[in-house]
Amino acid sequence: MELTPYSVVSLSEGASEYRELVKAYWNWIQGPDPDANPKHPTDPNLTFLRDDVIGSQLKHEVGILTGRGKTEDEAFATTLINATTSMKFFFPIYHVCCVSEHPYVKGGKCDTPEKRKNAAMFDLNNNYQKWAKITIDGQNEHNIVNDDLDNYSIESGEFELRVPQSNNLNREAGFNLPPTKGSYSAYAAGIYLYLKDLQPGNYRLDFGGRATDFHTQSIYNISVK
């Protein structure tokens, strides 16, 4: 059987690490210029890949302002990442993070841990399409993992989300977290993949999902030497 030139950390062997990476991911994406600084704060070999919202918000009933995400041309104009075999990559297939002061999907605000968890799970449970594809050295595209992506679904538990400055993230267009408070109580849930041990070659990753309110998709090109 042909060996896969990369490995994926499973939840069964790395649930606690996944959970900590989810928290670190959301703090990274709220930080200053995250795309220019995609490294994990304490592990220089680990790089975060972001998801992009494609087009307009699909529904306008969840209590957030309307707006648009990126066009496909904007989202797919990816920058080549030059990597080594020691580098690792962590990224969301589809996910959501609900915070205190965040509009709650059924009215009111996410002012309790239970409401934050329920809101995150409500959004995630509306995810009806998801994919994670890989092409290696221009060969046929195939799934990054052979098993069901739902096997990579995880909840963070309550954590502190730090917002050092206003963010420009279009994850929820029109609703940016003001930095004046400094930090927020948060709860994240989603489907994530953690790749490592990439062997030399050229990789193209295509991942994303669709739910009631959002369509996300990202394409990354990674050259490993």
C-alpha atoms as a PDB file:
ATOM      1  CA  MET A   1       0.000   0.000   0.000  1.00  0.00           C
ATOM      2  CA  GLU A   2       1.301   3.442  -0.928  1.00  0.00           C
ATOM      3  CA  LEU A   3       2.438   5.482   2.025  1.00  0.00           C
ATOM      4  CA  THR A   4       0.864   8.922   2.551  1.00  0.00           C
ATOM      5  CA  PRO A   5       3.541  11.655   2.525  1.00  0.00           C
ATOM      6  CA  TYR A   6       1.993  13.390   5.546  1.00  0.00           C
ATOM      7  CA  SER A   7       0.209  12.443   8.747  1.00  0.00           C
ATOM      8  CA  VAL A   8      -2.886  13.760  10.502  1.00  0.00           C
ATOM      9  CA  VAL A   9      -3.107  13.825  14.278  1.00  0.00           C
ATOM     10  CA  SER A  10      -6.326  12.078  15.301  1.00  0.00           C
ATOM     11  CA  LEU A  11      -8.554  13.278  18.098  1.00  0.00           C
ATOM     12  CA  SER A  12      -8.151   9.952  19.850  1.00  0.00           C
ATOM     13  CA  GLU A  13      -4.408  10.553  20.202  1.00  0.00           C
ATOM     14  CA  GLY A  14      -4.377  14.327  20.543  1.00  0.00           C
ATOM     15  CA  ALA A  15      -7.680  15.677  21.887  1.00  0.00           C
ATOM     16  CA  SER A  16      -6.070  17.854  24.557  1.00  0.00           C
ATOM     17  CA  GLU A  17      -3.585  19.288  22.033  1.00  0.00           C
ATOM     18  CA  TYR A  18      -6.407  19.984  19.562  1.00  0.00           C
ATOM     19  CA  ARG A  19      -8.347  21.783  22.283  1.00  0.00           C
ATOM     20  CA  GLU A  20      -5.410  24.026  23.151  1.00  0.00           C
ATOM     21  CA  LEU A  21      -4.720  24.713  19.469  1.00  0.00           C
ATOM     22  CA  VAL A  22      -8.348  25.779  18.935  1.00  0.00           C
ATOM     23  CA  LYS A  23      -7.976  28.344  21.723  1.00  0.00           C
ATOM     24  CA  ALA A  24      -4.637  29.533  20.330  1.00  0.00           C
ATOM     25  CA  TYR A  25      -6.119  29.742  16.824  1.00  0.00           C
ATOM     26  CA  TRP A  26      -8.937  32.085  17.867  1.00  0.00           C
ATOM     27  CA  ASN A  27      -6.545  34.284  19.810  1.00  0.00           C
ATOM     28  CA  TRP A  28      -4.261  34.369  16.764  1.00  0.00           C
ATOM     29  CA  ILE A  29      -7.007  35.359  14.335  1.00  0.00           C
ATOM     30  CA  GLN A  30      -8.067  38.264  16.576  1.00  0.00           C
ATOM     31  CA  GLY A  31      -4.523  39.542  16.879  1.00  0.00           C
ATOM     32  CA  PRO A  32      -2.717  42.219  14.878  1.00  0.00           C
ATOM     33  CA  ASP A  33      -2.221  41.275  11.200  1.00  0.00           C
ATOM     34  CA  PRO A  34      -2.625  37.514  11.692  1.00  0.00           C
ATOM     35  CA  ASP A  35      -2.020  36.638   8.036  1.00  0.00           C
ATOM     36  CA  ALA A  36       1.470  38.146   8.256  1.00  0.00           C
ATOM     37  CA  ASN A  37       2.159  36.283  11.520  1.00  0.00           C
ATOM     38  CA  PRO A  38       0.676  32.789  11.151  1.00  0.00           C
ATOM     39  CA  LYS A  39       2.997  31.029  13.604  1.00  0.00           C
ATOM     40  CA  HIS A  40       1.873  29.528  16.889  1.00  0.00           C
ATOM     41  CA  PRO A  41       3.035  31.847  19.705  1.00  0.00           C
ATOM     42  CA  THR A  42       5.242  29.223  21.369  1.00  0.00           C
ATOM     43  CA  ASP A  43       5.856  26.643  18.614  1.00  0.00           C
ATOM     44  CA  PRO A  44       7.637  28.176  15.604  1.00  0.00           C
ATOM     45  CA  ASN A  45       7.174  24.967  13.627  1.00  0.00           C
ATOM     46  CA  LEU A  46       3.373  25.215  13.754  1.00  0.00           C
ATOM     47  CA  THR A  47       1.545  27.432  11.249  1.00  0.00           C
ATOM     48  CA  PHE A  48      -2.137  28.382  11.361  1.00  0.00           C
ATOM     49  CA  LEU A  49      -4.123  28.414   8.101  1.00  0.00           C
ATOM     50  CA  ARG A  50      -7.279  30.523   8.081  1.00  0.00           C
ATOM     51  CA  ASP A  51     -10.734  30.033   6.639  1.00  0.00           C
ATOM     52  CA  ASP A  52     -12.276  32.696   4.416  1.00  0.00           C
ATOM     53  CA  VAL A  53     -15.956  33.612   4.170  1.00  0.00           C
ATOM     54  CA  ILE A  54     -17.017  33.590   0.530  1.00  0.00           C
ATOM     55  CA  GLY A  55     -19.611  36.113  -0.660  1.00  0.00           C
ATOM     56  CA  SER A  56     -22.378  37.645   1.405  1.00  0.00           C
ATOM     57  CA  GLN A  57     -23.716  36.378   4.678  1.00  0.00           C
ATOM     58  CA  LEU A  58     -26.423  33.953   3.633  1.00  0.00           C
ATOM     59  CA  LYS A  59     -29.067  34.775   6.243  1.00  0.00           C
ATOM     60  CA  HIS A  60     -29.706  37.917   8.255  1.00  0.00           C
ATOM     61  CA  GLU A  61     -31.616  36.597  11.234  1.00  0.00           C
ATOM     62  CA  VAL A  62     -28.858  35.767  13.681  1.00  0.00           C
ATOM     63  CA  GLY A  63     -28.492  39.202  15.230  1.00  0.00           C
ATOM     64  CA  ILE A  64     -25.343  40.370  13.477  1.00  0.00           C
ATOM     65  CA  LEU A  65     -24.878  43.103  10.907  1.00  0.00           C
ATOM     66  CA  THR A  66     -24.881  42.184   7.246  1.00  0.00           C
ATOM     67  CA  GLY A  67     -21.928  42.494   4.923  1.00  0.00           C
ATOM     68  CA  ARG A  68     -19.820  40.425   2.618  1.00  0.00           C
ATOM     69  CA  GLY A  69     -16.816  38.195   2.880  1.00  0.00           C
ATOM     70  CA  LYS A  70     -14.258  37.763   0.135  1.00  0.00           C
ATOM     71  CA  THR A  71     -14.976  37.073  -3.515  1.00  0.00           C
ATOM     72  CA  GLU A  72     -13.615  33.775  -4.797  1.00  0.00           C
ATOM     73  CA  ASP A  73     -10.853  35.650  -6.635  1.00  0.00           C
ATOM     74  CA  GLU A  74      -9.816  37.362  -3.384  1.00  0.00           C
ATOM     75  CA  ALA A  75      -9.985  34.200  -1.302  1.00  0.00           C
ATOM     76  CA  PHE A  76      -8.153  32.017  -3.785  1.00  0.00           C
ATOM     77  CA  ALA A  77      -5.308  34.437  -4.503  1.00  0.00           C
ATOM     78  CA  THR A  78      -3.191  32.422  -2.096  1.00  0.00           C
ATOM     79  CA  THR A  79       0.436  32.990  -1.262  1.00  0.00           C
ATOM     80  CA  LEU A  80       2.826  30.110  -1.593  1.00  0.00           C
ATOM     81  CA  ILE A  81       4.066  28.864   1.777  1.00  0.00           C
ATOM     82  CA  ASN A  82       7.651  27.602   1.741  1.00  0.00           C
ATOM     83  CA  ALA A  83       7.982  24.915   4.393  1.00  0.00           C
ATOM     84  CA  THR A  84      10.303  22.268   5.718  1.00  0.00           C
ATOM     85  CA  THR A  85       9.510  18.732   6.840  1.00  0.00           C
ATOM     86  CA  SER A  86       9.524  19.863  10.478  1.00  0.00           C
ATOM     87  CA  MET A  87       6.603  22.249   9.951  1.00  0.00           C
ATOM     88  CA  LYS A  88       3.054  21.464  11.099  1.00  0.00           C
ATOM     89  CA  PHE A  89      -0.257  23.002  10.041  1.00  0.00           C
ATOM     90  CA  PHE A  90      -3.510  23.514  11.956  1.00  0.00           C
ATOM     91  CA  PHE A  91      -6.674  24.771  10.267  1.00  0.00           C
ATOM     92  CA  PRO A  92     -10.474  24.767  10.500  1.00  0.00           C
ATOM     93  CA  ILE A  93     -12.782  23.023   8.072  1.00  0.00           C
ATOM     94  CA  TYR A  94     -15.827  24.776   9.546  1.00  0.00           C
ATOM     95  CA  HIS A  95     -15.993  26.356  13.007  1.00  0.00           C
ATOM     96  CA  VAL A  96     -17.524  29.049  15.160  1.00  0.00           C
ATOM     97  CA  CYS A  97     -16.549  30.959  18.280  1.00  0.00           C
ATOM     98  CA  CYS A  98     -19.152  32.624  20.501  1.00  0.00           C
ATOM     99  CA  VAL A  99     -18.113  35.232  23.031  1.00  0.00           C
ATOM    100  CA  SER A 100     -19.623  37.315  25.804  1.00  0.00           C
ATOM    101  CA  GLU A 101     -21.317  40.428  24.339  1.00  0.00           C
ATOM    102  CA  HIS A 102     -21.803  38.445  21.123  1.00  0.00           C
ATOM    103  CA  PRO A 103     -25.360  38.436  19.687  1.00  0.00           C
ATOM    104  CA  TYR A 104     -27.078  35.179  20.526  1.00  0.00           C
ATOM    105  CA  VAL A 105     -28.807  33.291  17.723  1.00  0.00           C
ATOM    106  CA  LYS A 106     -32.188  33.114  19.473  1.00  0.00           C
ATOM    107  CA  GLY A 107     -32.139  36.590  20.998  1.00  0.00           C
ATOM    108  CA  GLY A 108     -30.264  38.080  23.901  1.00  0.00           C
ATOM    109  CA  LYS A 109     -26.529  37.803  24.337  1.00  0.00           C
ATOM    110  CA  CYS A 110     -24.045  35.044  25.093  1.00  0.00           C
ATOM    111  CA  ASP A 111     -23.709  36.187  28.663  1.00  0.00           C
ATOM    112  CA  THR A 112     -23.406  32.729  30.252  1.00  0.00           C
ATOM    113  CA  PRO A 113     -21.158  29.730  29.491  1.00  0.00           C
ATOM    114  CA  GLU A 114     -24.239  27.668  28.626  1.00  0.00           C
ATOM    115  CA  LYS A 115     -25.470  30.228  26.090  1.00  0.00           C
ATOM    116  CA  ARG A 116     -22.030  30.480  24.507  1.00  0.00           C
ATOM    117  CA  LYS A 117     -21.813  26.715  24.136  1.00  0.00           C
ATOM    118  CA  ASN A 118     -25.371  26.435  22.791  1.00  0.00           C
ATOM    119  CA  ALA A 119     -24.799  29.214  20.259  1.00  0.00           C
ATOM    120  CA  ALA A 120     -21.575  27.654  18.995  1.00  0.00           C
ATOM    121  CA  MET A 121     -23.144  24.215  18.681  1.00  0.00           C
ATOM    122  CA  PHE A 122     -26.261  25.664  17.014  1.00  0.00           C
ATOM    123  CA  ASP A 123     -24.117  27.134  14.245  1.00  0.00           C
ATOM    124  CA  LEU A 124     -21.898  24.075  13.887  1.00  0.00           C
ATOM    125  CA  ASN A 125     -24.914  21.749  13.717  1.00  0.00           C
ATOM    126  CA  ASN A 126     -26.181  23.762  10.742  1.00  0.00           C
ATOM    127  CA  ASN A 127     -23.080  22.801   8.781  1.00  0.00           C
ATOM    128  CA  TYR A 128     -24.393  20.667   5.918  1.00  0.00           C
ATOM    129  CA  GLN A 129     -21.332  20.454   3.639  1.00  0.00           C
ATOM    130  CA  LYS A 130     -17.632  20.169   4.407  1.00  0.00           C
ATOM    131  CA  TRP A 131     -14.521  19.103   2.566  1.00  0.00           C
ATOM    132  CA  ALA A 132     -10.757  18.869   2.977  1.00  0.00           C
ATOM    133  CA  LYS A 133      -8.935  18.012  -0.246  1.00  0.00           C
ATOM    134  CA  ILE A 134      -5.269  17.703  -1.087  1.00  0.00           C
ATOM    135  CA  THR A 135      -3.290  17.524  -4.324  1.00  0.00           C
ATOM    136  CA  ILE A 136       0.343  16.436  -4.187  1.00  0.00           C
ATOM    137  CA  ASP A 137       2.763  17.260  -7.003  1.00  0.00           C
ATOM    138  CA  GLY A 138      -0.102  17.884  -9.408  1.00  0.00           C
ATOM    139  CA  GLN A 139      -1.520  14.365  -9.101  1.00  0.00           C
ATOM    140  CA  ASN A 140      -5.194  13.533  -8.570  1.00  0.00           C
ATOM    141  CA  GLU A 141      -7.008  15.417  -5.804  1.00  0.00           C
ATOM    142  CA  HIS A 142      -8.176  13.296  -2.896  1.00  0.00           C
ATOM    143  CA  ASN A 143      -9.470  13.643   0.671  1.00  0.00           C
ATOM    144  CA  ILE A 144      -6.889  14.612   3.276  1.00  0.00           C
ATOM    145  CA  VAL A 145      -8.351  12.001   5.631  1.00  0.00           C
ATOM    146  CA  ASN A 146     -10.106   8.780   4.703  1.00  0.00           C
ATOM    147  CA  ASP A 147     -12.495   8.785   7.649  1.00  0.00           C
ATOM    148  CA  ASP A 148     -15.478  11.054   8.311  1.00  0.00           C
ATOM    149  CA  LEU A 149     -14.546  14.678   8.980  1.00  0.00           C
ATOM    150  CA  ASP A 150     -17.029  14.657  11.865  1.00  0.00           C
ATOM    151  CA  ASN A 151     -14.441  12.534  13.667  1.00  0.00           C
ATOM    152  CA  TYR A 152     -12.368  15.714  13.907  1.00  0.00           C
ATOM    153  CA  SER A 153     -15.079  17.786  15.595  1.00  0.00           C
ATOM    154  CA  ILE A 154     -14.087  19.258  18.942  1.00  0.00           C
ATOM    155  CA  GLU A 155     -15.255  21.827  21.491  1.00  0.00           C
ATOM    156  CA  SER A 156     -12.790  24.106  23.237  1.00  0.00           C
ATOM    157  CA  GLY A 157     -14.539  24.600  26.532  1.00  0.00           C
ATOM    158  CA  GLU A 158     -14.545  28.096  28.063  1.00  0.00           C
ATOM    159  CA  PHE A 159     -11.412  30.157  27.416  1.00  0.00           C
ATOM    160  CA  GLU A 160     -10.138  33.731  27.397  1.00  0.00           C
ATOM    161  CA  LEU A 161     -10.201  35.443  23.993  1.00  0.00           C
ATOM    162  CA  ARG A 162      -7.846  38.423  23.921  1.00  0.00           C
ATOM    163  CA  VAL A 163      -8.555  41.274  21.512  1.00  0.00           C
ATOM    164  CA  PRO A 164      -5.567  43.620  21.497  1.00  0.00           C
ATOM    165  CA  GLN A 165      -6.944  45.821  18.711  1.00  0.00           C
ATOM    166  CA  SER A 166      -9.928  46.057  16.358  1.00  0.00           C
ATOM    167  CA  ASN A 167      -9.864  43.136  13.979  1.00  0.00           C
ATOM    168  CA  ASN A 168     -10.449  43.187  10.256  1.00  0.00           C
ATOM    169  CA  LEU A 169     -11.618  39.598  10.073  1.00  0.00           C
ATOM    170  CA  ASN A 170     -14.717  39.102   7.913  1.00  0.00           C
ATOM    171  CA  ARG A 171     -15.688  35.913   9.733  1.00  0.00           C
ATOM    172  CA  GLU A 172     -18.867  37.685  10.800  1.00  0.00           C
ATOM    173  CA  ALA A 173     -19.071  40.727   8.600  1.00  0.00           C
ATOM    174  CA  GLY A 174     -19.915  43.945  10.409  1.00  0.00           C
ATOM    175  CA  PHE A 175     -19.369  42.578  13.922  1.00  0.00           C
ATOM    176  CA  ASN A 176     -15.840  43.243  15.118  1.00  0.00           C
ATOM    177  CA  LEU A 177     -14.893  42.851  18.761  1.00  0.00           C
ATOM    178  CA  PRO A 178     -13.841  46.221  20.248  1.00  0.00           C
ATOM    179  CA  PRO A 179     -10.441  46.106  21.974  1.00  0.00           C
ATOM    180  CA  THR A 180     -11.468  48.341  24.851  1.00  0.00           C
ATOM    181  CA  LYS A 181     -12.423  45.470  27.119  1.00  0.00           C
ATOM    182  CA  GLY A 182      -9.207  43.592  26.399  1.00  0.00           C
ATOM    183  CA  SER A 183     -10.567  40.058  26.702  1.00  0.00           C
ATOM    184  CA  TYR A 184     -13.805  38.113  26.420  1.00  0.00           C
ATOM    185  CA  SER A 185     -15.104  34.790  27.685  1.00  0.00           C
ATOM    186  CA  ALA A 186     -15.397  32.493  24.691  1.00  0.00           C
ATOM    187  CA  TYR A 187     -16.482  29.029  23.570  1.00  0.00           C
ATOM    188  CA  ALA A 188     -15.457  27.504  20.232  1.00  0.00           C
ATOM    189  CA  ALA A 189     -16.651  24.423  18.383  1.00  0.00           C
ATOM    190  CA  GLY A 190     -15.684  23.132  14.998  1.00  0.00           C
ATOM    191  CA  ILE A 191     -13.994  20.634  12.736  1.00  0.00           C
ATOM    192  CA  TYR A 192     -10.218  21.041  12.565  1.00  0.00           C
ATOM    193  CA  LEU A 193      -7.281  19.173  11.054  1.00  0.00           C
ATOM    194  CA  TYR A 194      -3.717  19.024  12.347  1.00  0.00           C
ATOM    195  CA  LEU A 195      -1.162  17.983   9.720  1.00  0.00           C
ATOM    196  CA  LYS A 196       2.485  17.124  10.271  1.00  0.00           C
ATOM    197  CA  ASP A 197       5.337  15.081   8.807  1.00  0.00           C
ATOM    198  CA  LEU A 198       4.864  16.502   5.306  1.00  0.00           C
ATOM    199  CA  GLN A 199       7.500  15.034   3.018  1.00  0.00           C
ATOM    200  CA  PRO A 200       9.233  17.076   0.279  1.00  0.00           C
ATOM    201  CA  GLY A 201       6.836  18.026  -2.499  1.00  0.00           C
ATOM    202  CA  ASN A 202       4.251  20.552  -3.624  1.00  0.00           C
ATOM    203  CA  TYR A 203       0.893  20.446  -1.839  1.00  0.00           C
ATOM    204  CA  ARG A 204      -2.391  22.167  -2.626  1.00  0.00           C
ATOM    205  CA  LEU A 205      -4.974  22.245   0.180  1.00  0.00           C
ATOM    206  CA  ASP A 206      -8.635  23.073  -0.506  1.00  0.00           C
ATOM    207  CA  PHE A 207     -10.905  23.105   2.550  1.00  0.00           C
ATOM    208  CA  GLY A 208     -14.139  24.686   3.714  1.00  0.00           C
ATOM    209  CA  GLY A 209     -17.795  24.229   4.513  1.00  0.00           C
ATOM    210  CA  ARG A 210     -21.315  25.532   4.133  1.00  0.00           C
ATOM    211  CA  ALA A 211     -23.890  26.153   6.847  1.00  0.00           C
ATOM    212  CA  THR A 212     -27.100  28.141   7.210  1.00  0.00           C
ATOM    213  CA  ASP A 213     -25.322  31.490   7.395  1.00  0.00           C
ATOM    214  CA  PHE A 214     -21.854  31.108   5.887  1.00  0.00           C
ATOM    215  CA  HIS A 215     -19.898  29.554   3.055  1.00  0.00           C
ATOM    216  CA  THR A 216     -16.186  29.247   3.788  1.00  0.00           C
ATOM    217  CA  GLN A 217     -13.373  28.032   1.585  1.00  0.00           C
ATOM    218  CA  SER A 218      -9.609  28.404   1.478  1.00  0.00           C
ATOM    219  CA  ILE A 219      -6.910  27.247  -0.901  1.00  0.00           C
ATOM    220  CA  TYR A 220      -3.272  27.059   0.144  1.00  0.00           C
ATOM    221  CA  ASN A 221      -0.195  26.051  -1.827  1.00  0.00           C
ATOM    222  CA  ILE A 222       2.636  24.650   0.284  1.00  0.00           C
ATOM    223  CA  SER A 223       6.081  23.784  -1.026  1.00  0.00           C
ATOM    224  CA  VAL A 224       7.988  21.455   1.300  1.00  0.00           C
ATOM    225  CA  LYS A 225      11.743  21.036   0.909  1.00  0.00           C
END
